[in-house]
C-alpha cells in the first residue's frame, strides 16, 4: 500500500516539475495523472492491485477534499455576490461551448465511422 501511494505522489511531483519546467497551462497533478496513465499503458498489463486499492480508497473519501474549498467559498460570499453576473455568464458560456463542441465532435465522429463502415 505504501508503494502504491508513493507511486501516486511521485507521479504528482513529476507532473509539478514538468508543468513548471515547460510552463504548461495545466496543473501539475493533471500532468502527473497523464504520466501515470502513460506509464500504465506502456506497461500493458492490469494496474497493480495495490494501486487500485489505494485509488479506490482515495475516491471513496474524495468528498472530504472539497471541505476546504467550500469553506473558502463561504468566507468570500460578498466577493461572489459582487461578481455574480460575470460568474453566471462564464458558467453559461462555458456550458454552451462544451455542449456545442461535444455535439460537433460526435457528429464528425459518427460521419467518419459511417464512411469507414461503407468502405
N, C-alpha and C. Protein backbone atom coordinates (compact mmCIF):
# COMPACT_ATOMS: atom_id res chain seq x y z
N UNK A 1 0.83 -1.19 0.00
CA UNK A 1 0.00 0.00 0.00
C UNK A 1 0.88 1.26 0.00
N UNK A 2 1.96 1.24 0.77
CA UNK A 2 2.85 2.40 0.82
C UNK A 2 3.49 2.62 -0.55
N UNK A 3 3.85 1.53 -1.23
CA UNK A 3 4.48 1.65 -2.55
C UNK A 3 3.52 2.30 -3.54
N UNK A 4 2.25 1.93 -3.50
CA UNK A 4 1.27 2.49 -4.43
C UNK A 4 1.03 3.97 -4.14
N UNK A 5 0.94 4.33 -2.87
CA UNK A 5 0.76 5.73 -2.50
C UNK A 5 1.99 6.54 -2.90
N UNK A 6 3.16 5.95 -2.72
CA UNK A 6 4.40 6.61 -3.13
C UNK A 6 4.42 6.82 -4.64
N UNK A 7 3.95 5.83 -5.40
CA UNK A 7 3.88 5.97 -6.85
C UNK A 7 2.96 7.13 -7.25
N UNK A 8 1.80 7.22 -6.61
CA UNK A 8 0.87 8.31 -6.92
C UNK A 8 1.48 9.67 -6.61
N UNK A 9 2.12 9.77 -5.45
CA UNK A 9 2.73 11.05 -5.07
C UNK A 9 3.94 11.38 -5.95
N UNK A 10 4.70 10.35 -6.35
CA UNK A 10 5.84 10.58 -7.24
C UNK A 10 5.37 11.07 -8.60
N UNK A 11 4.28 10.52 -9.09
CA UNK A 11 3.72 10.99 -10.36
C UNK A 11 3.23 12.43 -10.23
N UNK A 12 2.64 12.76 -9.11
CA UNK A 12 2.19 14.13 -8.89
C UNK A 12 3.39 15.07 -8.85
N UNK A 13 4.46 14.68 -8.15
CA UNK A 13 5.66 15.51 -8.08
C UNK A 13 6.29 15.67 -9.47
N UNK A 14 6.37 14.56 -10.21
CA UNK A 14 6.92 14.64 -11.57
C UNK A 14 6.07 15.56 -12.44
N UNK A 15 4.76 15.49 -12.27
CA UNK A 15 3.87 16.36 -13.02
C UNK A 15 4.09 17.82 -12.67
N UNK A 16 4.29 18.12 -11.41
CA UNK A 16 4.57 19.50 -10.98
C UNK A 16 5.86 19.99 -11.61
N UNK A 17 6.88 19.15 -11.60
CA UNK A 17 8.17 19.53 -12.16
C UNK A 17 8.05 19.79 -13.66
N UNK A 18 7.41 18.87 -14.36
CA UNK A 18 7.27 19.01 -15.81
C UNK A 18 6.42 20.24 -16.16
N UNK A 19 5.31 20.43 -15.45
CA UNK A 19 4.42 21.56 -15.75
C UNK A 19 5.13 22.89 -15.53
N UNK A 20 5.90 22.99 -14.44
CA UNK A 20 6.59 24.26 -14.17
C UNK A 20 7.79 24.45 -15.09
N UNK A 21 8.51 23.36 -15.38
CA UNK A 21 9.70 23.48 -16.23
C UNK A 21 9.32 23.87 -17.65
N UNK A 22 8.22 23.33 -18.15
CA UNK A 22 7.80 23.61 -19.52
C UNK A 22 6.81 24.76 -19.62
N UNK A 23 6.37 25.29 -18.47
CA UNK A 23 5.41 26.39 -18.48
C UNK A 23 4.07 25.98 -19.04
N UNK A 24 3.66 24.75 -18.77
CA UNK A 24 2.39 24.25 -19.30
C UNK A 24 1.21 24.92 -18.61
N UNK A 25 0.11 25.12 -19.34
CA UNK A 25 -1.08 25.72 -18.71
C UNK A 25 -1.95 24.69 -17.99
N UNK A 26 -1.35 23.58 -17.59
CA UNK A 26 -2.07 22.52 -16.87
C UNK A 26 -1.52 22.42 -15.46
N UNK A 27 -2.36 22.09 -14.50
CA UNK A 27 -1.85 21.88 -13.14
C UNK A 27 -0.93 20.66 -13.10
N UNK A 28 0.04 20.69 -12.21
CA UNK A 28 0.98 19.59 -12.07
C UNK A 28 0.32 18.24 -11.82
N UNK A 29 -0.70 18.17 -10.94
CA UNK A 29 -1.35 16.88 -10.73
C UNK A 29 -2.00 16.30 -11.98
N UNK A 30 -2.49 17.16 -12.87
CA UNK A 30 -3.08 16.66 -14.12
C UNK A 30 -1.98 16.08 -15.01
N UNK A 31 -0.85 16.77 -15.08
CA UNK A 31 0.29 16.25 -15.85
C UNK A 31 0.77 14.94 -15.23
N UNK A 32 0.80 14.88 -13.90
CA UNK A 32 1.20 13.65 -13.22
C UNK A 32 0.25 12.50 -13.52
N UNK A 33 -1.04 12.79 -13.59
CA UNK A 33 -2.02 11.77 -13.95
C UNK A 33 -1.80 11.27 -15.37
N UNK A 34 -1.47 12.18 -16.27
CA UNK A 34 -1.17 11.79 -17.65
C UNK A 34 0.08 10.91 -17.68
N UNK A 35 1.09 11.26 -16.89
CA UNK A 35 2.31 10.45 -16.82
C UNK A 35 2.00 9.05 -16.27
N UNK A 36 1.17 9.00 -15.24
CA UNK A 36 0.80 7.70 -14.65
C UNK A 36 0.04 6.86 -15.67
N UNK A 37 -0.92 7.48 -16.36
CA UNK A 37 -1.70 6.75 -17.37
C UNK A 37 -0.80 6.25 -18.49
N UNK A 38 0.13 7.09 -18.92
CA UNK A 38 1.07 6.68 -19.98
C UNK A 38 1.94 5.53 -19.51
N UNK A 39 2.40 5.59 -18.27
CA UNK A 39 3.20 4.50 -17.72
C UNK A 39 2.42 3.21 -17.65
N UNK A 40 1.17 3.29 -17.26
CA UNK A 40 0.34 2.08 -17.20
C UNK A 40 0.05 1.52 -18.59
N UNK A 41 -0.12 2.42 -19.57
CA UNK A 41 -0.36 1.96 -20.94
C UNK A 41 0.88 1.28 -21.52
N UNK A 42 2.06 1.86 -21.23
CA UNK A 42 3.30 1.27 -21.72
C UNK A 42 3.51 -0.10 -21.09
N UNK A 43 3.17 -0.19 -19.81
CA UNK A 43 3.31 -1.46 -19.09
C UNK A 43 2.42 -2.53 -19.73
N UNK A 44 1.25 -2.11 -20.20
CA UNK A 44 0.38 -3.00 -20.96
C UNK A 44 -0.42 -4.00 -20.17
N UNK A 45 -0.22 -4.10 -18.90
CA UNK A 45 -0.95 -5.08 -18.09
C UNK A 45 -1.97 -4.34 -17.22
N UNK A 46 -2.71 -5.10 -16.46
CA UNK A 46 -3.63 -4.52 -15.50
C UNK A 46 -2.85 -3.70 -14.48
N UNK A 47 -3.44 -2.63 -13.95
CA UNK A 47 -2.74 -1.89 -12.90
C UNK A 47 -2.55 -2.80 -11.68
N UNK A 48 -1.48 -2.59 -10.93
CA UNK A 48 -1.26 -3.41 -9.73
C UNK A 48 -2.45 -3.30 -8.77
N UNK A 49 -2.76 -4.39 -8.10
CA UNK A 49 -3.90 -4.44 -7.18
C UNK A 49 -3.74 -3.41 -6.07
N UNK A 50 -2.50 -3.20 -5.61
CA UNK A 50 -2.26 -2.20 -4.56
C UNK A 50 -2.65 -0.80 -5.03
N UNK A 51 -2.29 -0.48 -6.28
CA UNK A 51 -2.60 0.83 -6.83
C UNK A 51 -4.11 1.02 -6.95
N UNK A 52 -4.79 -0.01 -7.38
CA UNK A 52 -6.26 0.04 -7.49
C UNK A 52 -6.88 0.26 -6.11
N UNK A 53 -6.37 -0.46 -5.11
CA UNK A 53 -6.91 -0.34 -3.74
C UNK A 53 -6.70 1.07 -3.19
N UNK A 54 -5.51 1.63 -3.40
CA UNK A 54 -5.23 2.98 -2.90
C UNK A 54 -6.09 4.00 -3.63
N UNK A 55 -6.22 3.88 -4.95
CA UNK A 55 -7.04 4.81 -5.72
C UNK A 55 -8.50 4.73 -5.29
N UNK A 56 -9.00 3.51 -5.08
CA UNK A 56 -10.39 3.36 -4.62
C UNK A 56 -10.59 4.00 -3.26
N UNK A 57 -9.63 3.82 -2.36
CA UNK A 57 -9.72 4.44 -1.03
C UNK A 57 -9.75 5.96 -1.11
N UNK A 58 -8.91 6.52 -1.98
CA UNK A 58 -8.91 7.97 -2.15
C UNK A 58 -10.23 8.46 -2.75
N UNK A 59 -10.74 7.72 -3.72
CA UNK A 59 -12.01 8.12 -4.35
C UNK A 59 -13.19 8.03 -3.39
N UNK A 60 -13.16 7.03 -2.50
CA UNK A 60 -14.25 6.91 -1.52
C UNK A 60 -14.30 8.10 -0.58
N UNK A 61 -13.15 8.72 -0.33
CA UNK A 61 -13.09 9.85 0.60
C UNK A 61 -12.88 11.18 -0.11
N UNK A 62 -13.16 11.22 -1.39
CA UNK A 62 -12.93 12.41 -2.19
C UNK A 62 -13.74 13.61 -1.67
N UNK A 63 -14.91 13.36 -1.18
CA UNK A 63 -15.75 14.45 -0.68
C UNK A 63 -15.09 15.28 0.40
N UNK A 64 -14.25 14.66 1.21
CA UNK A 64 -13.55 15.39 2.27
C UNK A 64 -12.61 16.44 1.71
N UNK A 65 -12.11 16.22 0.50
CA UNK A 65 -11.18 17.17 -0.09
C UNK A 65 -11.87 18.46 -0.54
N UNK A 66 -13.20 18.44 -0.64
CA UNK A 66 -13.93 19.63 -1.04
C UNK A 66 -14.28 20.53 0.13
N UNK A 67 -14.06 20.08 1.35
CA UNK A 67 -14.40 20.88 2.53
C UNK A 67 -13.61 22.18 2.55
N UNK A 68 -12.28 22.19 2.36
CA UNK A 68 -11.57 23.47 2.38
C UNK A 68 -12.05 24.43 1.29
N UNK A 69 -12.36 23.91 0.11
CA UNK A 69 -12.86 24.78 -0.96
C UNK A 69 -14.21 25.38 -0.59
N UNK A 70 -15.07 24.58 0.02
CA UNK A 70 -16.39 25.09 0.44
C UNK A 70 -16.24 26.16 1.51
N UNK A 71 -15.31 25.97 2.43
CA UNK A 71 -15.07 26.98 3.47
C UNK A 71 -14.59 28.27 2.82
N UNK A 72 -13.72 28.15 1.82
CA UNK A 72 -13.24 29.34 1.12
C UNK A 72 -14.36 30.08 0.42
N UNK A 73 -15.29 29.35 -0.16
CA UNK A 73 -16.43 29.98 -0.83
C UNK A 73 -17.29 30.72 0.19
N UNK A 74 -17.55 30.09 1.32
CA UNK A 74 -18.38 30.72 2.34
C UNK A 74 -17.71 31.97 2.90
N UNK A 75 -16.39 31.93 3.02
CA UNK A 75 -15.67 33.09 3.55
C UNK A 75 -15.70 34.28 2.59
N UNK A 76 -15.90 34.02 1.31
CA UNK A 76 -15.87 35.09 0.32
C UNK A 76 -17.22 35.27 -0.39
N UNK A 77 -18.30 35.06 0.33
CA UNK A 77 -19.62 35.22 -0.28
C UNK A 77 -19.86 36.63 -0.77
N UNK A 78 -19.35 37.63 -0.07
CA UNK A 78 -19.54 39.02 -0.51
C UNK A 78 -18.86 39.28 -1.85
N UNK A 79 -17.68 38.74 -2.04
CA UNK A 79 -16.98 38.87 -3.32
C UNK A 79 -17.74 38.15 -4.43
N UNK A 80 -18.26 36.96 -4.12
CA UNK A 80 -19.04 36.22 -5.10
C UNK A 80 -20.33 36.95 -5.46
N UNK A 81 -20.94 37.58 -4.48
CA UNK A 81 -22.18 38.33 -4.74
C UNK A 81 -21.89 39.52 -5.67
N UNK A 82 -20.76 40.19 -5.45
CA UNK A 82 -20.42 41.33 -6.30
C UNK A 82 -20.10 40.90 -7.73
N UNK A 83 -19.58 39.69 -7.90
CA UNK A 83 -19.20 39.22 -9.23
C UNK A 83 -20.16 38.16 -9.75
N UNK A 84 -21.40 38.18 -9.27
CA UNK A 84 -22.37 37.15 -9.64
C UNK A 84 -22.66 37.13 -11.15
N UNK A 85 -22.82 38.30 -11.75
CA UNK A 85 -23.15 38.35 -13.18
C UNK A 85 -22.03 37.78 -14.06
N UNK A 86 -20.77 38.21 -13.86
CA UNK A 86 -19.71 37.62 -14.69
C UNK A 86 -19.53 36.12 -14.44
N UNK A 87 -19.69 35.68 -13.20
CA UNK A 87 -19.56 34.26 -12.89
C UNK A 87 -20.67 33.47 -13.59
N UNK A 88 -21.89 33.97 -13.51
CA UNK A 88 -23.02 33.29 -14.16
C UNK A 88 -22.83 33.26 -15.68
N UNK A 89 -22.35 34.37 -16.24
CA UNK A 89 -22.11 34.42 -17.69
C UNK A 89 -21.02 33.41 -18.09
N UNK A 90 -19.96 33.32 -17.30
CA UNK A 90 -18.87 32.38 -17.60
C UNK A 90 -19.36 30.94 -17.52
N UNK A 91 -20.17 30.65 -16.52
CA UNK A 91 -20.72 29.29 -16.39
C UNK A 91 -21.63 28.97 -17.57
N UNK A 92 -22.50 29.89 -17.92
CA UNK A 92 -23.42 29.68 -19.04
C UNK A 92 -22.67 29.53 -20.36
N UNK A 93 -21.72 30.43 -20.62
CA UNK A 93 -20.96 30.37 -21.88
C UNK A 93 -20.12 29.09 -21.94
N UNK A 94 -19.50 28.73 -20.84
CA UNK A 94 -18.69 27.51 -20.82
C UNK A 94 -19.53 26.26 -21.04
N UNK A 95 -20.70 26.23 -20.43
CA UNK A 95 -21.59 25.08 -20.60
C UNK A 95 -22.06 24.98 -22.05
N UNK A 96 -22.48 26.10 -22.63
CA UNK A 96 -22.94 26.09 -24.02
C UNK A 96 -21.81 25.72 -24.98
N UNK A 97 -20.61 26.22 -24.71
CA UNK A 97 -19.47 25.88 -25.57
C UNK A 97 -19.15 24.39 -25.47
N UNK A 98 -19.20 23.84 -24.26
CA UNK A 98 -18.91 22.41 -24.09
C UNK A 98 -19.97 21.55 -24.77
N UNK A 99 -21.23 21.93 -24.65
CA UNK A 99 -22.30 21.17 -25.30
C UNK A 99 -22.16 21.27 -26.82
N UNK A 100 -21.89 22.46 -27.32
CA UNK A 100 -21.73 22.63 -28.76
C UNK A 100 -20.54 21.85 -29.30
N UNK A 101 -19.41 21.93 -28.62
CA UNK A 101 -18.22 21.19 -29.05
C UNK A 101 -18.47 19.69 -29.03
N UNK A 102 -19.12 19.22 -27.98
CA UNK A 102 -19.42 17.79 -27.88
C UNK A 102 -20.33 17.35 -29.02
N UNK A 103 -21.33 18.14 -29.34
CA UNK A 103 -22.24 17.81 -30.44
C UNK A 103 -21.51 17.77 -31.79
N UNK A 104 -20.67 18.77 -32.05
CA UNK A 104 -19.93 18.80 -33.30
C UNK A 104 -18.95 17.63 -33.39
N UNK A 105 -18.26 17.34 -32.31
CA UNK A 105 -17.32 16.23 -32.31
C UNK A 105 -18.03 14.90 -32.51
N UNK A 106 -19.17 14.73 -31.85
CA UNK A 106 -19.94 13.49 -32.01
C UNK A 106 -20.42 13.33 -33.44
N UNK A 107 -20.94 14.40 -34.04
CA UNK A 107 -21.40 14.34 -35.43
C UNK A 107 -20.25 13.98 -36.36
N UNK A 108 -19.11 14.59 -36.15
CA UNK A 108 -17.95 14.30 -37.01
C UNK A 108 -17.48 12.86 -36.85
N UNK A 109 -17.44 12.38 -35.63
CA UNK A 109 -17.02 11.00 -35.40
C UNK A 109 -18.01 10.01 -35.99
N UNK A 110 -19.30 10.31 -35.89
CA UNK A 110 -20.30 9.41 -36.47
C UNK A 110 -20.21 9.39 -37.99
N UNK A 111 -19.97 10.57 -38.61
CA UNK A 111 -19.79 10.62 -40.06
C UNK A 111 -18.56 9.83 -40.47
N UNK A 112 -17.49 9.99 -39.73
CA UNK A 112 -16.25 9.27 -40.02
C UNK A 112 -16.44 7.77 -39.89
N UNK A 113 -17.17 7.39 -38.86
CA UNK A 113 -17.43 5.96 -38.63
C UNK A 113 -18.29 5.37 -39.74
N UNK A 114 -19.33 6.12 -40.17
CA UNK A 114 -20.21 5.60 -41.21
C UNK A 114 -19.49 5.52 -42.54
N UNK A 115 -18.55 6.45 -42.82
CA UNK A 115 -17.79 6.37 -44.07
C UNK A 115 -16.80 5.21 -44.05
N UNK A 116 -16.28 4.88 -42.86
CA UNK A 116 -15.40 3.71 -42.74
C UNK A 116 -16.19 2.42 -42.90
N UNK A 117 -17.40 2.41 -42.34
CA UNK A 117 -18.25 1.21 -42.44
C UNK A 117 -18.68 0.98 -43.90
N UNK A 118 -18.92 2.06 -44.63
CA UNK A 118 -19.36 1.94 -46.01
C UNK A 118 -18.23 1.43 -46.92
N UNK A 119 -17.00 1.75 -46.52
CA UNK A 119 -15.84 1.34 -47.36
C UNK A 119 -15.47 -0.06 -47.08
